[in-house]
C-alpha cells in the first residue's frame, strides 16, 4: 500500500504516543504496510524574521526522525493546473545518522511520502492535479 493522507485514528495516537487529542481529526501521511508516517508542514513567520521551512516528523518502522526542508517556488494560485509543490533543499535529518537507517533509503521514502502529502497533507481537494518536485 502506498502513502495516503488520512485522519489519525485514536488507536494510532496511543500506539505511536502522538501528542494529538483524540477525536480532533488530525491528518497524517501514512504507509501502513511499511509502518511509516509523515506529519508536519511548513512553518515560520517572515514578519518575525523567521524563515519558512518544512518541518516534519518522519517515522519509519520504529525510528522517529525530524526532517527540515527548504521550500522552493510553489504555485501561488489554487487554480493553476498543475499546482506545483517544490522542495528545494534538505536542510537536515535528525538524528544525523538517520537512527541507523540507510540515508539514501530514508530520502527515497521521504520523497514518496511528500508526493502523497502534496500541498497540505490533508485531502488536497483544492489541488488534486499537482506536481511535487525536489532539488535534493
Protein backbone atom coordinates (compact mmCIF):
# COMPACT_ATOMS: atom_id res chain seq x y z
CA UNK A 1 0.00 0.00 0.00
CA UNK A 2 1.44 3.43 -0.86
CA UNK A 3 1.41 6.53 1.33
CA UNK A 4 -2.03 8.07 1.78
CA UNK A 5 -3.33 11.10 3.65
CA UNK A 6 -5.80 10.06 6.32
CA UNK A 7 -7.16 11.02 9.71
CA UNK A 8 -5.07 9.61 12.56
CA UNK A 9 -7.09 7.05 14.50
CA UNK A 10 -7.35 7.14 18.28
CA UNK A 11 -5.64 3.74 18.35
CA UNK A 12 -2.69 5.14 16.38
CA UNK A 13 -2.47 8.15 18.71
CA UNK A 14 -1.98 5.67 21.55
CA UNK A 15 0.26 3.28 19.58
CA UNK A 16 2.74 5.94 18.49
CA UNK A 17 2.42 8.21 21.53
CA UNK A 18 1.36 11.15 19.36
CA UNK A 19 0.61 14.47 21.01
CA UNK A 20 -2.79 14.79 19.35
CA UNK A 21 -6.10 14.99 21.18
CA UNK A 22 -8.31 12.06 20.33
CA UNK A 23 -11.21 12.95 18.05
CA UNK A 24 -9.53 16.10 16.68
CA UNK A 25 -9.32 14.68 13.14
CA UNK A 26 -5.61 15.33 12.70
CA UNK A 27 -4.22 14.24 9.32
CA UNK A 28 -1.02 12.43 8.60
CA UNK A 29 0.55 10.79 5.56
CA UNK A 30 0.90 7.09 6.21
CA UNK A 31 2.08 3.85 4.68
CA UNK A 32 0.57 1.22 6.95
CA UNK A 33 2.34 -1.76 5.38
CA UNK A 34 5.80 -0.23 5.83
CA UNK A 35 4.89 1.15 9.27
CA UNK A 36 5.81 4.69 8.23
CA UNK A 37 4.22 8.08 8.69
CA UNK A 38 4.93 11.73 7.92
CA UNK A 39 3.43 14.53 9.95
CA UNK A 40 4.11 18.26 9.91
CA UNK A 41 4.22 21.01 7.31
CA UNK A 42 5.51 24.46 6.51
CA UNK A 43 6.12 26.75 9.46
CA UNK A 44 7.78 30.05 10.26
CA UNK A 45 6.71 33.67 10.07
CA UNK A 46 8.69 36.08 7.86
CA UNK A 47 7.09 39.01 9.74
CA UNK A 48 9.06 37.85 12.78
CA UNK A 49 12.24 37.27 10.75
CA UNK A 50 11.58 33.54 10.78
CA UNK A 51 12.47 31.61 7.67
CA UNK A 52 9.73 29.40 6.20
CA UNK A 53 10.73 25.74 6.49
CA UNK A 54 9.09 22.39 6.08
CA UNK A 55 9.31 20.70 9.47
CA UNK A 56 8.25 17.10 9.67
CA UNK A 57 8.25 14.09 11.95
CA UNK A 58 9.05 11.03 9.85
CA UNK A 59 8.59 7.65 11.46
CA UNK A 60 9.98 4.56 9.78
CA UNK A 61 9.50 1.15 11.42
CA UNK A 62 10.45 2.14 14.94
CA UNK A 63 12.71 5.11 14.17
CA UNK A 64 11.46 8.67 14.54
CA UNK A 65 13.32 11.29 12.53
CA UNK A 66 12.90 15.05 12.40
CA UNK A 67 13.21 16.46 8.90
CA UNK A 68 13.80 20.09 7.89
CA UNK A 69 13.26 21.18 4.29
CA UNK A 70 13.61 24.47 2.43
CA UNK A 71 10.63 25.13 0.18
CA UNK A 72 11.18 26.10 -3.43
CA UNK A 73 8.78 28.11 -5.59
CA UNK A 74 5.24 26.85 -5.06
CA UNK A 75 2.25 27.84 -7.15
CA UNK A 76 0.59 30.87 -5.61
CA UNK A 77 -2.82 30.35 -7.16
CA UNK A 78 -5.06 27.39 -6.29
CA UNK A 79 -6.48 27.39 -9.80
CA UNK A 80 -3.17 26.73 -11.57
CA UNK A 81 -3.10 23.29 -13.17
CA UNK A 82 -0.98 21.52 -12.35
CA UNK A 83 -0.29 23.06 -8.96
CA UNK A 84 3.44 22.96 -8.18
CA UNK A 85 4.86 21.96 -4.81
CA UNK A 86 8.65 22.33 -4.76
CA UNK A 87 11.06 21.31 -2.03
CA UNK A 88 14.39 22.98 -2.82
CA UNK A 89 16.76 21.59 -0.20
CA UNK A 90 17.03 19.06 2.56
CA UNK A 91 18.26 21.20 5.46
CA UNK A 92 18.68 18.34 7.86
CA UNK A 93 17.72 14.96 9.20
CA UNK A 94 17.91 14.48 12.95
CA UNK A 95 19.47 12.41 14.28
CA UNK A 96 22.15 12.93 11.65
CA UNK A 97 22.87 9.19 11.43
CA UNK A 98 19.20 8.60 10.48
CA UNK A 99 18.81 6.46 13.58
CA UNK A 100 20.94 3.77 11.95
CA UNK A 101 18.81 3.64 8.78
CA UNK A 102 20.33 3.97 5.31
CA UNK A 103 20.28 7.70 4.46
CA UNK A 104 19.57 7.18 0.74
CA UNK A 105 16.66 4.85 1.57
CA UNK A 106 15.28 7.39 4.07
CA UNK A 107 15.42 10.17 1.47
CA UNK A 108 13.75 7.96 -1.15
CA UNK A 109 10.94 7.07 1.24
CA UNK A 110 10.64 10.72 2.32
CA UNK A 111 10.13 11.76 -1.30
CA UNK A 112 7.39 9.13 -1.71
CA UNK A 113 5.67 10.45 1.40
CA UNK A 114 5.96 14.09 0.28
CA UNK A 115 4.41 13.29 -3.11
CA UNK A 116 1.37 11.89 -1.30
CA UNK A 117 1.47 14.75 1.24
CA UNK A 118 1.11 17.20 -1.64
CA UNK A 119 0.29 20.74 -0.61
CA UNK A 120 -1.06 20.21 2.86
CA UNK A 121 -1.13 16.55 3.91
CA UNK A 122 -4.90 16.60 4.09
CA UNK A 123 -7.17 15.71 1.25
CA UNK A 124 -5.58 18.06 -1.31
CA UNK A 125 -9.07 18.74 -2.65
CA UNK A 126 -8.05 22.20 -3.86
CA UNK A 127 -5.07 20.87 -5.78
CA UNK A 128 -5.77 17.31 -6.96
CA UNK A 129 -3.75 17.96 -10.13
CA UNK A 130 -0.28 18.65 -8.77
CA UNK A 131 3.42 18.12 -9.35
CA UNK A 132 5.81 17.64 -6.44
CA UNK A 133 9.45 18.32 -7.26
CA UNK A 134 12.70 18.04 -5.33
CA UNK A 135 16.02 19.85 -5.51
CA UNK A 136 17.73 17.18 -3.41
